[in-house]
Amino acid sequence: MVDQDNVQAHVLFYFGIKFYEFSEQTLEQVCLEKGLSVDLVVRELESPESIFDESELPLISYPVDLIIEYLKHTHYLFVKHKLPYIGQLLQGFRANHPDYNTIEKDLKTLFPLFLEDFIHHIYEEEDSLFKYIRMLERAARGQYNPSRLYELMEKYSLQKCALEHVAHDDEMEGIRKITKDYHLTADAPLHVKVIYSELIQFEKTLKVHARIENEILFPKAMALENEVKKKFFEKAKLN
């Protein structure tokens, strides 16, 4: 079943079923063993997975605070759902194949480092960049402490942040090198296929996420920053 559709492994995982531990059993047998409703599991397996398409949301027309909320929700999904699942797949990974034995070891070494760095980046972004942009939004409405606003505008430069963000966008470069751009041999084990499928999908989602930040959030935030700076210094001159 998983061999026919790798996404099924993700659905099974959330029912506590690691597909590679039950390769010789039917779905009904596994559900019976786990105390699960077969009908419920089948309904979930038959539901089409929602694949995000940024064109579905008119984010370009959204105010900055809603864009930030959307991005924070995506961060939550990364940290609490997608990445733990990939981590579990790698934890149970036993290649037993000459073409993938080294890849197995390398991925098990690299992925925890990637995960630590990625989570640090997310929390740093939320705790500094997002907070600064929200402060600018409040300042544009006249809700600000002048000394605090000046201090933060001296500390941050959204143009600099945007350039640094673009420079660090390719976070999965190391994983692509290890997997040779997710190349699969004709006799690749099913577990490898599922891992590569999830890594590819995650990378696509990351690219969408980065595009929203680079092409929507930063331009809007920089325009907001310029507006606030102009008002701030004009008011300072009057004083």
Protein backbone atom coordinates (compact mmCIF):
# COMPACT_ATOMS: atom_id res chain seq x y z
CA MET A 1 0.00 0.00 0.00
CA VAL A 2 2.81 2.42 0.94
CA ASP A 3 4.79 1.30 -2.09
CA GLN A 4 1.91 2.41 -4.34
CA ASP A 5 1.55 5.77 -2.57
CA ASN A 6 4.35 6.97 -0.27
CA VAL A 7 2.06 9.59 1.33
CA GLN A 8 0.13 6.76 2.99
CA ALA A 9 3.12 6.24 5.31
CA HIS A 10 2.54 9.73 6.74
CA VAL A 11 -1.15 9.02 7.44
CA LEU A 12 -0.34 5.70 9.10
CA PHE A 13 2.33 7.36 11.25
CA TYR A 14 -0.28 9.57 12.95
CA PHE A 15 -2.24 6.48 13.88
CA GLY A 16 0.89 5.10 15.55
CA ILE A 17 1.66 2.72 12.69
CA LYS A 18 5.23 2.63 11.40
CA PHE A 19 4.78 1.02 8.01
CA TYR A 20 8.20 -0.68 8.06
CA GLU A 21 7.30 -2.61 11.23
CA PHE A 22 4.21 -4.24 9.70
CA SER A 23 5.30 -5.16 6.18
CA GLU A 24 3.89 -8.69 6.45
CA GLN A 25 0.49 -7.76 7.89
CA THR A 26 -2.68 -6.46 6.33
CA LEU A 27 -4.15 -3.11 7.35
CA GLU A 28 -7.02 -4.89 9.10
CA GLN A 29 -4.59 -7.01 11.13
CA VAL A 30 -2.58 -3.95 12.19
CA CYS A 31 -5.72 -2.00 13.15
CA LEU A 32 -6.93 -4.94 15.23
CA GLU A 33 -3.56 -5.14 16.98
CA LYS A 34 -3.52 -1.37 17.63
CA GLY A 35 -7.19 -1.15 18.65
CA LEU A 36 -8.00 1.16 15.74
CA SER A 37 -11.14 1.47 13.66
CA VAL A 38 -10.40 0.12 10.19
CA ASP A 39 -13.08 2.35 8.66
CA LEU A 40 -11.58 5.47 10.25
CA VAL A 41 -8.06 4.66 9.05
CA VAL A 42 -9.30 3.84 5.55
CA ARG A 43 -11.24 7.14 5.37
CA GLU A 44 -8.08 9.05 6.27
CA LEU A 45 -6.02 7.09 3.77
CA GLU A 46 -8.53 7.79 1.01
CA SER A 47 -8.74 11.52 1.77
CA PRO A 48 -6.67 13.49 -0.73
CA GLU A 49 -3.74 15.18 0.99
CA SER A 50 -4.00 18.97 0.84
CA ILE A 51 -0.90 20.26 -0.90
CA PHE A 52 -0.32 23.93 -0.29
CA ASP A 53 -0.38 26.21 -3.27
CA GLU A 54 0.38 29.83 -2.42
CA SER A 55 -1.96 30.92 -5.21
CA GLU A 56 -4.86 29.64 -3.08
CA LEU A 57 -4.28 32.45 -0.59
CA PRO A 58 -4.16 36.09 -1.75
CA LEU A 59 -1.29 36.76 0.67
CA ILE A 60 -0.10 39.76 -1.33
CA SER A 61 -3.31 41.55 -0.32
CA TYR A 62 -3.08 40.55 3.35
CA PRO A 63 -1.91 43.01 6.02
CA VAL A 64 1.49 42.33 7.58
CA ASP A 65 0.10 40.93 10.85
CA LEU A 66 -1.90 38.23 9.03
CA ILE A 67 1.09 37.25 6.89
CA ILE A 68 3.17 36.87 10.05
CA GLU A 69 0.43 34.74 11.66
CA TYR A 70 0.35 32.55 8.57
CA LEU A 71 4.15 32.12 8.64
CA LYS A 72 4.10 31.33 12.38
CA HIS A 73 1.45 28.69 11.80
CA THR A 74 3.64 27.16 9.09
CA HIS A 75 6.57 27.16 11.54
CA TYR A 76 4.36 25.29 14.01
CA LEU A 77 3.49 22.65 11.42
CA PHE A 78 7.18 22.22 10.55
CA VAL A 79 8.33 21.83 14.16
CA LYS A 80 5.43 19.84 15.61
CA HIS A 81 4.41 17.65 12.67
CA LYS A 82 6.54 17.38 9.55
CA LEU A 83 10.06 17.34 11.04
CA PRO A 84 9.26 14.88 13.88
CA TYR A 85 7.79 12.53 11.28
CA ILE A 86 10.90 12.70 9.10
CA GLY A 87 13.01 12.22 12.23
CA GLN A 88 11.05 9.06 13.10
CA LEU A 89 11.50 7.74 9.57
CA LEU A 90 15.26 8.21 9.86
CA GLN A 91 15.40 6.76 13.35
CA GLY A 92 13.87 3.52 12.07
CA PHE A 93 15.89 3.57 8.83
CA ARG A 94 17.75 0.33 8.12
CA ALA A 95 19.00 0.50 4.54
CA ASN A 96 20.45 -3.02 4.19
CA HIS A 97 21.47 -2.05 0.68
CA PRO A 98 25.00 -1.33 -0.58
CA ASP A 99 23.90 1.86 -2.40
CA TYR A 100 22.25 3.32 0.71
CA ASN A 101 24.20 2.09 3.75
CA THR A 102 26.48 5.14 3.76
CA ILE A 103 23.54 7.46 3.02
CA GLU A 104 21.72 6.00 6.03
CA LYS A 105 24.64 6.81 8.35
CA ASP A 106 25.15 10.28 6.89
CA LEU A 107 21.48 11.23 7.11
CA LYS A 108 21.27 10.03 10.70
CA THR A 109 24.25 12.24 11.52
CA LEU A 110 23.24 15.32 9.52
CA PHE A 111 19.49 15.50 10.10
CA PRO A 112 19.67 16.21 13.88
CA LEU A 113 22.16 19.02 13.14
CA PHE A 114 19.91 20.38 10.40
CA LEU A 115 16.92 20.16 12.75
CA GLU A 116 18.69 22.01 15.57
CA ASP A 117 19.85 24.78 13.24
CA PHE A 118 16.45 25.05 11.54
CA ILE A 119 14.52 25.32 14.81
CA HIS A 120 16.99 27.91 16.11
CA HIS A 121 16.47 29.94 12.92
CA ILE A 122 12.67 29.78 13.28
CA TYR A 123 12.64 30.89 16.93
CA GLU A 124 15.17 33.64 16.27
CA GLU A 125 13.03 34.89 13.39
CA GLU A 126 9.89 34.94 15.53
CA ASP A 127 11.58 36.51 18.56
CA SER A 128 13.37 39.29 16.69
CA LEU A 129 12.28 39.93 13.09
CA PHE A 130 8.55 39.29 13.50
CA LYS A 131 8.41 41.28 16.75
CA TYR A 132 10.18 44.21 15.12
CA ILE A 133 7.79 44.22 12.14
CA ARG A 134 4.78 44.12 14.47
CA MET A 135 6.23 47.02 16.44
CA LEU A 136 6.52 48.97 13.17
CA GLU A 137 2.89 48.20 12.43
CA ARG A 138 1.83 49.57 15.83
CA ALA A 139 4.05 52.62 15.33
CA ALA A 140 2.37 53.33 11.98
CA ARG A 141 -0.89 53.60 13.95
CA GLY A 142 0.74 55.97 16.43
CA GLN A 143 1.08 53.37 19.20
CA TYR A 144 4.73 53.45 20.21
CA ASN A 145 7.29 54.51 22.76
CA PRO A 146 9.59 57.00 20.96
CA SER A 147 12.82 55.95 22.70
CA ARG A 148 12.08 52.23 22.23
CA LEU A 149 11.14 52.76 18.59
CA TYR A 150 14.34 54.70 17.90
CA GLU A 151 16.41 52.02 19.65
CA LEU A 152 14.93 49.22 17.52
CA MET A 153 15.19 51.15 14.26
CA GLU A 154 18.88 51.69 15.03
CA LYS A 155 19.32 48.00 15.82
CA TYR A 156 17.48 46.50 12.84
CA SER A 157 17.64 47.02 9.10
CA LEU A 158 15.00 45.12 7.17
CA GLN A 159 16.96 45.53 3.96
CA LYS A 160 19.96 43.83 5.59
CA CYS A 161 17.72 41.12 7.09
CA ALA A 162 16.18 40.48 3.66
CA LEU A 163 19.59 40.09 2.01
CA GLU A 164 20.79 37.73 4.75
CA HIS A 165 17.57 35.75 4.49
CA VAL A 166 18.03 35.18 0.75
CA ALA A 167 21.64 34.13 1.33
CA HIS A 168 20.55 31.42 3.81
CA ASP A 169 17.52 30.13 1.91
CA ASP A 170 19.06 26.85 0.70
CA GLU A 171 18.96 25.07 4.05
CA MET A 172 18.72 21.58 2.56
CA GLU A 173 21.80 21.76 0.36
CA GLY A 174 23.68 19.31 2.59
CA ILE A 175 20.86 16.75 2.50
CA ARG A 176 20.66 17.02 -1.29
CA LYS A 177 24.38 16.33 -1.56
CA ILE A 178 24.16 13.25 0.66
CA THR A 179 21.23 11.85 -1.32
CA LYS A 180 22.69 12.90 -4.70
CA ASP A 181 19.63 15.06 -5.35
CA TYR A 182 17.33 12.33 -4.04
CA HIS A 183 18.46 9.89 -6.72
CA LEU A 184 16.79 6.48 -6.46
CA THR A 185 18.15 3.29 -7.97
CA ALA A 186 15.77 0.87 -9.65
CA ASP A 187 15.93 -1.46 -6.64
CA ALA A 188 15.79 1.20 -3.93
CA PRO A 189 14.19 -0.08 -0.69
CA LEU A 190 10.70 1.21 0.10
CA HIS A 191 11.94 2.95 3.24
CA VAL A 192 14.37 5.00 1.13
CA LYS A 193 11.60 5.95 -1.28
CA VAL A 194 9.40 7.19 1.57
CA ILE A 195 12.23 9.19 3.18
CA TYR A 196 13.20 10.82 -0.13
CA SER A 197 9.56 11.56 -0.94
CA GLU A 198 9.12 13.35 2.39
CA LEU A 199 12.38 15.27 2.06
CA ILE A 200 11.45 16.41 -1.45
CA GLN A 201 8.00 17.53 -0.32
CA PHE A 202 9.45 19.33 2.70
CA GLU A 203 11.97 21.15 0.51
CA LYS A 204 9.18 22.26 -1.84
CA THR A 205 7.21 23.59 1.14
CA LEU A 206 10.31 25.41 2.40
CA LYS A 207 10.74 27.09 -0.98
CA VAL A 208 7.13 28.31 -0.90
CA HIS A 209 7.68 29.55 2.65
CA ALA A 210 10.86 31.41 1.68
CA ARG A 211 9.16 32.92 -1.37
CA ILE A 212 6.34 34.30 0.79
CA GLU A 213 8.89 35.88 3.14
CA ASN A 214 11.17 37.25 0.40
CA GLU A 215 8.56 38.40 -2.10
CA ILE A 216 5.65 39.40 0.14
CA LEU A 217 6.59 39.93 3.79
CA PHE A 218 9.89 41.78 3.35
CA PRO A 219 8.68 44.25 0.66
CA LYS A 220 5.59 45.09 2.75
CA ALA A 221 7.64 45.37 5.94
CA MET A 222 10.30 47.57 4.32
CA ALA A 223 7.61 49.92 2.98
CA LEU A 224 6.16 50.05 6.49
CA GLU A 225 9.61 50.72 7.97
CA ASN A 226 10.19 53.62 5.55
CA GLU A 227 6.78 55.08 6.38
CA VAL A 228 7.41 54.88 10.14
CA LYS A 229 10.92 56.34 9.86
CA LYS A 230 9.65 59.25 7.80
CA LYS A 231 6.87 60.04 10.31
CA PHE A 232 9.19 59.57 13.27
CA PHE A 233 11.90 61.93 12.05
CA GLU A 234 9.38 64.51 10.84
CA LYS A 235 7.85 64.53 14.31
CA ALA A 236 11.31 64.69 15.89
CA LYS A 237 12.10 67.85 13.88
CA LEU A 238 8.92 69.51 15.13
CA ASN A 239 9.93 68.77 18.68
